Amino acid sequence: MSANVQLPEHLIHIARNQAEQRGLSVDEWIAIAVADHLTGTEAAEEFFRNRAAGARRGALREALDAVPDNPPDPGDEL
């Protein structure tokens, strides 16, 4: 499958330079960059999905309730 993608000129320039440095075509370099991004995104989604699965209702409220109700330090006021 093939797709035409519109990219800003400055990104094409950067991609072309990096592809040349690695001995790749621009198409190959872009495919690798997209695959790396998707892999990273999927890994992040899985991490947060696993963290959420172990969450306990009320845990955030309990943690916040344990924080002392002190006035802000000088300079930290809103």
PDB file of N, CA and C in Angstrom:
ATOM      1  N   MET A   1       0.845  -1.172   0.000  1.00  0.00           N
ATOM      2  CA  MET A   1       0.000   0.000   0.000  1.00  0.00           C
ATOM      3  C   MET A   1       0.891   1.234   0.000  1.00  0.00           C
ATOM      4  N   SER A   2       0.445   2.247  -0.667  1.00  0.00           N
ATOM      5  CA  SER A   2       1.211   3.477  -0.772  1.00  0.00           C
ATOM      6  C   SER A   2       0.317   4.642  -0.389  1.00  0.00           C
ATOM      7  N   ALA A   3       0.914   5.678   0.187  1.00  0.00           N
ATOM      8  CA  ALA A   3       0.153   6.869   0.560  1.00  0.00           C
ATOM      9  C   ALA A   3       0.977   8.102   0.247  1.00  0.00           C
ATOM     10  N   ASN A   4       0.310   9.116  -0.231  1.00  0.00           N
ATOM     11  CA  ASN A   4       0.972  10.403  -0.433  1.00  0.00           C
ATOM     12  C   ASN A   4       0.769  11.222   0.822  1.00  0.00           C
ATOM     13  N   VAL A   5       1.841  11.768   1.347  1.00  0.00           N
ATOM     14  CA  VAL A   5       1.792  12.546   2.574  1.00  0.00           C
ATOM     15  C   VAL A   5       2.378  13.915   2.308  1.00  0.00           C
ATOM     16  N   GLN A   6       1.698  14.952   2.772  1.00  0.00           N
ATOM     17  CA  GLN A   6       2.183  16.313   2.639  1.00  0.00           C
ATOM     18  C   GLN A   6       2.947  16.686   3.919  1.00  0.00           C
ATOM     19  N   LEU A   7       4.189  17.109   3.773  1.00  0.00           N
ATOM     20  CA  LEU A   7       5.003  17.536   4.909  1.00  0.00           C
ATOM     21  C   LEU A   7       5.520  18.943   4.641  1.00  0.00           C
ATOM     22  N   PRO A   8       5.693  19.729   5.699  1.00  0.00           N
ATOM     23  CA  PRO A   8       6.299  21.047   5.513  1.00  0.00           C
ATOM     24  C   PRO A   8       7.725  20.903   4.964  1.00  0.00           C
ATOM     25  N   GLU A   9       8.141  21.865   4.172  1.00  0.00           N
ATOM     26  CA  GLU A   9       9.470  21.829   3.532  1.00  0.00           C
ATOM     27  C   GLU A   9      10.593  21.619   4.537  1.00  0.00           C
ATOM     28  N   HIS A  10      10.520  22.284   5.692  1.00  0.00           N
ATOM     29  CA  HIS A  10      11.628  22.148   6.651  1.00  0.00           C
ATOM     30  C   HIS A  10      11.737  20.715   7.171  1.00  0.00           C
ATOM     31  N   LEU A  11      10.609  20.007   7.304  1.00  0.00           N
ATOM     32  CA  LEU A  11      10.670  18.607   7.741  1.00  0.00           C
ATOM     33  C   LEU A  11      11.224  17.712   6.642  1.00  0.00           C
ATOM     34  N   ILE A  12      10.861  17.998   5.410  1.00  0.00           N
ATOM     35  CA  ILE A  12      11.395  17.233   4.287  1.00  0.00           C
ATOM     36  C   ILE A  12      12.910  17.418   4.216  1.00  0.00           C
ATOM     37  N   HIS A  13      13.364  18.636   4.424  1.00  0.00           N
ATOM     38  CA  HIS A  13      14.804  18.923   4.393  1.00  0.00           C
ATOM     39  C   HIS A  13      15.533  18.126   5.480  1.00  0.00           C
ATOM     40  N   ILE A  14      14.990  18.137   6.689  1.00  0.00           N
ATOM     41  CA  ILE A  14      15.612  17.393   7.799  1.00  0.00           C
ATOM     42  C   ILE A  14      15.598  15.893   7.500  1.00  0.00           C
ATOM     43  N   ALA A  15      14.461  15.393   7.029  1.00  0.00           N
ATOM     44  CA  ALA A  15      14.355  13.965   6.710  1.00  0.00           C
ATOM     45  C   ALA A  15      15.347  13.575   5.629  1.00  0.00           C
ATOM     46  N   ARG A  16      15.473  14.408   4.611  1.00  0.00           N
ATOM     47  CA  ARG A  16      16.403  14.125   3.515  1.00  0.00           C
ATOM     48  C   ARG A  16      17.838  14.056   4.041  1.00  0.00           C
ATOM     49  N   ASN A  17      18.210  15.026   4.875  1.00  0.00           N
ATOM     50  CA  ASN A  17      19.574  15.038   5.429  1.00  0.00           C
ATOM     51  C   ASN A  17      19.844  13.803   6.282  1.00  0.00           C
ATOM     52  N   GLN A  18      18.904  13.469   7.155  1.00  0.00           N
ATOM     53  CA  GLN A  18      19.111  12.307   8.028  1.00  0.00           C
ATOM     54  C   GLN A  18      19.108  11.005   7.233  1.00  0.00           C
ATOM     55  N   ALA A  19      18.260  10.927   6.219  1.00  0.00           N
ATOM     56  CA  ALA A  19      18.234   9.728   5.369  1.00  0.00           C
ATOM     57  C   ALA A  19      19.570   9.550   4.658  1.00  0.00           C
ATOM     58  N   GLU A  20      20.092  10.644   4.115  1.00  0.00           N
ATOM     59  CA  GLU A  20      21.393  10.575   3.417  1.00  0.00           C
ATOM     60  C   GLU A  20      22.498  10.126   4.363  1.00  0.00           C
ATOM     61  N   GLN A  21      22.500  10.642   5.589  1.00  0.00           N
ATOM     62  CA  GLN A  21      23.529  10.271   6.569  1.00  0.00           C
ATOM     63  C   GLN A  21      23.479   8.778   6.889  1.00  0.00           C
ATOM     64  N   ARG A  22      22.307   8.184   6.788  1.00  0.00           N
ATOM     65  CA  ARG A  22      22.141   6.768   7.133  1.00  0.00           C
ATOM     66  C   ARG A  22      22.121   5.860   5.907  1.00  0.00           C
ATOM     67  N   GLY A  23      22.267   6.447   4.738  1.00  0.00           N
ATOM     68  CA  GLY A  23      22.253   5.651   3.516  1.00  0.00           C
ATOM     69  C   GLY A  23      20.877   5.105   3.173  1.00  0.00           C
ATOM     70  N   LEU A  24      19.845   5.849   3.522  1.00  0.00           N
ATOM     71  CA  LEU A  24      18.471   5.426   3.273  1.00  0.00           C
ATOM     72  C   LEU A  24      17.797   6.376   2.299  1.00  0.00           C
ATOM     73  N   SER A  25      16.714   5.904   1.713  1.00  0.00           N
ATOM     74  CA  SER A  25      15.881   6.821   0.945  1.00  0.00           C
ATOM     75  C   SER A  25      15.021   7.602   1.942  1.00  0.00           C
ATOM     76  N   VAL A  26      14.490   8.704   1.492  1.00  0.00           N
ATOM     77  CA  VAL A  26      13.610   9.498   2.366  1.00  0.00           C
ATOM     78  C   VAL A  26      12.396   8.664   2.758  1.00  0.00           C
ATOM     79  N   ASP A  27      11.846   7.903   1.811  1.00  0.00           N
ATOM     80  CA  ASP A  27      10.690   7.049   2.120  1.00  0.00           C
ATOM     81  C   ASP A  27      11.030   6.033   3.214  1.00  0.00           C
ATOM     82  N   GLU A  28      12.211   5.409   3.113  1.00  0.00           N
ATOM     83  CA  GLU A  28      12.624   4.438   4.137  1.00  0.00           C
ATOM     84  C   GLU A  28      12.782   5.120   5.488  1.00  0.00           C
ATOM     85  N   TRP A  29      13.432   6.295   5.486  1.00  0.00           N
ATOM     86  CA  TRP A  29      13.662   7.008   6.744  1.00  0.00           C
ATOM     87  C   TRP A  29      12.342   7.389   7.396  1.00  0.00           C
ATOM     88  N   ILE A  30      11.393   7.890   6.606  1.00  0.00           N
ATOM     89  CA  ILE A  30      10.086   8.286   7.149  1.00  0.00           C
ATOM     90  C   ILE A  30       9.342   7.064   7.680  1.00  0.00           C
ATOM     91  N   ALA A  31       9.393   5.942   6.960  1.00  0.00           N
ATOM     92  CA  ALA A  31       8.723   4.726   7.424  1.00  0.00           C
ATOM     93  C   ALA A  31       9.287   4.268   8.767  1.00  0.00           C
ATOM     94  N   ILE A  32      10.600   4.332   8.921  1.00  0.00           N
ATOM     95  CA  ILE A  32      11.234   3.942  10.185  1.00  0.00           C
ATOM     96  C   ILE A  32      10.836   4.909  11.293  1.00  0.00           C
ATOM     97  N   ALA A  33      10.824   6.213  10.999  1.00  0.00           N
ATOM     98  CA  ALA A  33      10.459   7.215  12.000  1.00  0.00           C
ATOM     99  C   ALA A  33       9.017   7.017  12.473  1.00  0.00           C
ATOM    100  N   VAL A  34       8.114   6.753  11.539  1.00  0.00           N
ATOM    101  CA  VAL A  34       6.709   6.526  11.900  1.00  0.00           C
ATOM    102  C   VAL A  34       6.586   5.252  12.719  1.00  0.00           C
ATOM    103  N   ALA A  35       7.271   4.186  12.312  1.00  0.00           N
ATOM    104  CA  ALA A  35       7.211   2.921  13.053  1.00  0.00           C
ATOM    105  C   ALA A  35       7.743   3.093  14.470  1.00  0.00           C
ATOM    106  N   ASP A  36       8.845   3.823  14.623  1.00  0.00           N
ATOM    107  CA  ASP A  36       9.395   4.080  15.965  1.00  0.00           C
ATOM    108  C   ASP A  36       8.391   4.832  16.826  1.00  0.00           C
ATOM    109  N   HIS A  37       7.764   5.837  16.246  1.00  0.00           N
ATOM    110  CA  HIS A  37       6.787   6.625  17.001  1.00  0.00           C
ATOM    111  C   HIS A  37       5.598   5.764  17.422  1.00  0.00           C
ATOM    112  N   LEU A  38       5.082   4.964  16.493  1.00  0.00           N
ATOM    113  CA  LEU A  38       3.931   4.116  16.814  1.00  0.00           C
ATOM    114  C   LEU A  38       4.275   3.091  17.877  1.00  0.00           C
ATOM    115  N   THR A  39       5.466   2.519  17.795  1.00  0.00           N
ATOM    116  CA  THR A  39       5.904   1.551  18.801  1.00  0.00           C
ATOM    117  C   THR A  39       5.981   2.211  20.168  1.00  0.00           C
ATOM    118  N   GLY A  40       6.547   3.415  20.220  1.00  0.00           N
ATOM    119  CA  GLY A  40       6.639   4.148  21.485  1.00  0.00           C
ATOM    120  C   GLY A  40       5.276   4.502  22.030  1.00  0.00           C
ATOM    121  N   THR A  41       4.365   4.894  21.157  1.00  0.00           N
ATOM    122  CA  THR A  41       3.012   5.251  21.576  1.00  0.00           C
ATOM    123  C   THR A  41       2.285   4.035  22.131  1.00  0.00           C
ATOM    124  N   GLU A  42       2.409   2.905  21.447  1.00  0.00           N
ATOM    125  CA  GLU A  42       1.760   1.682  21.922  1.00  0.00           C
ATOM    126  C   GLU A  42       2.326   1.257  23.271  1.00  0.00           C
ATOM    127  N   ALA A  43       3.633   1.386  23.448  1.00  0.00           N
ATOM    128  CA  ALA A  43       4.252   1.017  24.721  1.00  0.00           C
ATOM    129  C   ALA A  43       3.743   1.919  25.840  1.00  0.00           C
ATOM    130  N   ALA A  44       3.625   3.214  25.564  1.00  0.00           N
ATOM    131  CA  ALA A  44       3.129   4.154  26.570  1.00  0.00           C
ATOM    132  C   ALA A  44       1.675   3.841  26.917  1.00  0.00           C
ATOM    133  N   GLU A  45       0.867   3.571  25.901  1.00  0.00           N
ATOM    134  CA  GLU A  45      -0.535   3.231  26.151  1.00  0.00           C
ATOM    135  C   GLU A  45      -0.647   1.984  27.015  1.00  0.00           C
ATOM    136  N   GLU A  46       0.165   0.980  26.714  1.00  0.00           N
ATOM    137  CA  GLU A  46       0.127  -0.258  27.499  1.00  0.00           C
ATOM    138  C   GLU A  46       0.559   0.006  28.941  1.00  0.00           C
ATOM    139  N   PHE A  47       1.604   0.815  29.131  1.00  0.00           N
ATOM    140  CA  PHE A  47       2.076   1.150  30.478  1.00  0.00           C
ATOM    141  C   PHE A  47       0.958   1.794  31.287  1.00  0.00           C
ATOM    142  N   PHE A  48       0.310   2.819  30.713  1.00  0.00           N
ATOM    143  CA  PHE A  48      -0.733   3.528  31.458  1.00  0.00           C
ATOM    144  C   PHE A  48      -1.985   2.670  31.636  1.00  0.00           C
ATOM    145  N   ARG A  49      -2.278   1.816  30.667  1.00  0.00           N
ATOM    146  CA  ARG A  49      -3.412   0.903  30.812  1.00  0.00           C
ATOM    147  C   ARG A  49      -3.152  -0.049  31.987  1.00  0.00           C
ATOM    148  N   ASN A  50      -1.935  -0.579  32.092  1.00  0.00           N
ATOM    149  CA  ASN A  50      -1.591  -1.475  33.196  1.00  0.00           C
ATOM    150  C   ASN A  50      -1.621  -0.749  34.533  1.00  0.00           C
ATOM    151  N   ARG A  51      -1.121   0.494  34.544  1.00  0.00           N
ATOM    152  CA  ARG A  51      -1.164   1.276  35.784  1.00  0.00           C
ATOM    153  C   ARG A  51      -2.606   1.539  36.208  1.00  0.00           C
ATOM    154  N   ALA A  52      -3.449   1.887  35.255  1.00  0.00           N
ATOM    155  CA  ALA A  52      -4.848   2.178  35.557  1.00  0.00           C
ATOM    156  C   ALA A  52      -5.567   0.933  36.061  1.00  0.00           C
ATOM    157  N   ALA A  53      -5.208  -0.231  35.528  1.00  0.00           N
ATOM    158  CA  ALA A  53      -5.862  -1.472  35.944  1.00  0.00           C
ATOM    159  C   ALA A  53      -5.608  -1.759  37.417  1.00  0.00           C
ATOM    160  N   GLY A  54      -4.459  -1.313  37.929  1.00  0.00           N
ATOM    161  CA  GLY A  54      -4.128  -1.553  39.335  1.00  0.00           C
ATOM    162  C   GLY A  54      -4.577  -0.441  40.265  1.00  0.00           C
ATOM    163  N   ALA A  55      -5.232   0.584  39.702  1.00  0.00           N
ATOM    164  CA  ALA A  55      -5.660   1.718  40.524  1.00  0.00           C
ATOM    165  C   ALA A  55      -6.814   1.313  41.439  1.00  0.00           C
ATOM    166  N   ARG A  56      -6.859   1.958  42.569  1.00  0.00           N
ATOM    167  CA  ARG A  56      -7.917   1.688  43.543  1.00  0.00           C
ATOM    168  C   ARG A  56      -8.725   2.961  43.721  1.00  0.00           C
ATOM    169  N   ARG A  57     -10.038   2.834  43.670  1.00  0.00           N
ATOM    170  CA  ARG A  57     -10.910   3.998  43.865  1.00  0.00           C
ATOM    171  C   ARG A  57     -10.616   4.637  45.217  1.00  0.00           C
ATOM    172  N   GLY A  58     -10.531   5.932  45.237  1.00  0.00           N
ATOM    173  CA  GLY A  58     -10.330   6.653  46.482  1.00  0.00           C
ATOM    174  C   GLY A  58      -8.874   6.835  46.861  1.00  0.00           C
ATOM    175  N   ALA A  59      -7.947   6.189  46.142  1.00  0.00           N
ATOM    176  CA  ALA A  59      -6.529   6.271  46.502  1.00  0.00           C
ATOM    177  C   ALA A  59      -5.998   7.694  46.351  1.00  0.00           C
ATOM    178  N   LEU A  60      -6.410   8.399  45.301  1.00  0.00           N
ATOM    179  CA  LEU A  60      -5.949   9.774  45.119  1.00  0.00           C
ATOM    180  C   LEU A  60      -6.452  10.652  46.251  1.00  0.00           C
ATOM    181  N   ARG A  61      -7.718  10.513  46.613  1.00  0.00           N
ATOM    182  CA  ARG A  61      -8.283  11.319  47.709  1.00  0.00           C
ATOM    183  C   ARG A  61      -7.530  11.029  49.003  1.00  0.00           C
ATOM    184  N   GLU A  62      -7.230   9.780  49.269  1.00  0.00           N
ATOM    185  CA  GLU A  62      -6.488   9.415  50.485  1.00  0.00           C
ATOM    186  C   GLU A  62      -5.112  10.069  50.485  1.00  0.00           C
ATOM    187  N   ALA A  63      -4.435  10.047  49.350  1.00  0.00           N
ATOM    188  CA  ALA A  63      -3.106  10.656  49.266  1.00  0.00           C
ATOM    189  C   ALA A  63      -3.189  12.160  49.473  1.00  0.00           C
ATOM    190  N   LEU A  64      -4.167  12.789  48.870  1.00  0.00           N
ATOM    191  CA  LEU A  64      -4.311  14.245  49.024  1.00  0.00           C
ATOM    192  C   LEU A  64      -4.704  14.616  50.449  1.00  0.00           C
ATOM    193  N   ASP A  65      -5.524  13.796  51.078  1.00  0.00           N
ATOM    194  CA  ASP A  65      -5.916  14.055  52.466  1.00  0.00           C
ATOM    195  C   ASP A  65      -4.738  13.933  53.423  1.00  0.00           C
ATOM    196  N   ALA A  66      -3.722  13.173  53.042  1.00  0.00           N
ATOM    197  CA  ALA A  66      -2.551  12.983  53.905  1.00  0.00           C
ATOM    198  C   ALA A  66      -1.580  14.167  53.825  1.00  0.00           C
ATOM    199  N   VAL A  67      -1.774  15.059  52.864  1.00  0.00           N
ATOM    200  CA  VAL A  67      -0.885  16.219  52.707  1.00  0.00           C
ATOM    201  C   VAL A  67      -1.305  17.279  53.707  1.00  0.00           C
ATOM    202  N   PRO A  68      -0.366  17.813  54.494  1.00  0.00           N
ATOM    203  CA  PRO A  68      -0.721  18.852  55.468  1.00  0.00           C
ATOM    204  C   PRO A  68      -1.269  20.097  54.776  1.00  0.00           C
ATOM    205  N   ASP A  69      -2.174  20.760  55.436  1.00  0.00           N
ATOM    206  CA  ASP A  69      -2.795  21.969  54.895  1.00  0.00           C
ATOM    207  C   ASP A  69      -2.022  23.196  55.385  1.00  0.00           C
ATOM    208  N   ASN A  70      -0.823  23.358  54.849  1.00  0.00           N
ATOM    209  CA  ASN A  70       0.034  24.484  55.229  1.00  0.00           C
ATOM    210  C   ASN A  70      -0.071  25.594  54.190  1.00  0.00           C
ATOM    211  N   PRO A  71       0.133  26.822  54.613  1.00  0.00           N
ATOM    212  CA  PRO A  71       0.164  27.894  53.621  1.00  0.00           C
ATOM    213  C   PRO A  71       1.395  27.724  52.722  1.00  0.00           C
ATOM    214  N   PRO A  72       1.349  28.265  51.501  1.00  0.00           N
ATOM    215  CA  PRO A  72       2.501  28.131  50.608  1.00  0.00           C
ATOM    216  C   PRO A  72       3.715  28.859  51.147  1.00  0.00           C
ATOM    217  N   ASP A  73       4.883  28.373  50.768  1.00  0.00           N
ATOM    218  CA  ASP A  73       6.119  29.055  51.116  1.00  0.00           C
ATOM    219  C   ASP A  73       6.144  30.408  50.412  1.00  0.00           C
ATOM    220  N   PRO A  74       6.846  31.376  50.995  1.00  0.00           N
ATOM    221  CA  PRO A  74       6.930  32.685  50.343  1.00  0.00           C
ATOM    222  C   PRO A  74       7.460  32.546  48.913  1.00  0.00           C
ATOM    223  N   GLY A  75       6.766  33.162  47.978  1.00  0.00           N
ATOM    224  CA  GLY A  75       7.132  33.086  46.572  1.00  0.00           C
ATOM    225  C   GLY A  75       6.370  32.024  45.815  1.00  0.00           C
ATOM    226  N   ASP A  76       5.702  31.098  46.544  1.00  0.00           N
ATOM    227  CA  ASP A  76       4.946  30.033  45.891  1.00  0.00           C
ATOM    228  C   ASP A  76       3.443  30.337  45.841  1.00  0.00           C
ATOM    229  N   GLU A  77       3.054  31.531  46.314  1.00  0.00           N
ATOM    230  CA  GLU A  77       1.637  31.871  46.327  1.00  0.00           C
ATOM    231  C   GLU A  77       1.121  32.038  44.888  1.00  0.00           C
ATOM    232  N   LEU A  78      -0.177  31.823  44.727  1.00  0.00           N
ATOM    233  CA  LEU A  78      -0.797  32.054  43.421  1.00  0.00           C
ATOM    234  C   LEU A  78      -1.254  33.472  43.321  1.00  0.00           C
TER     235      LEU A  78
END
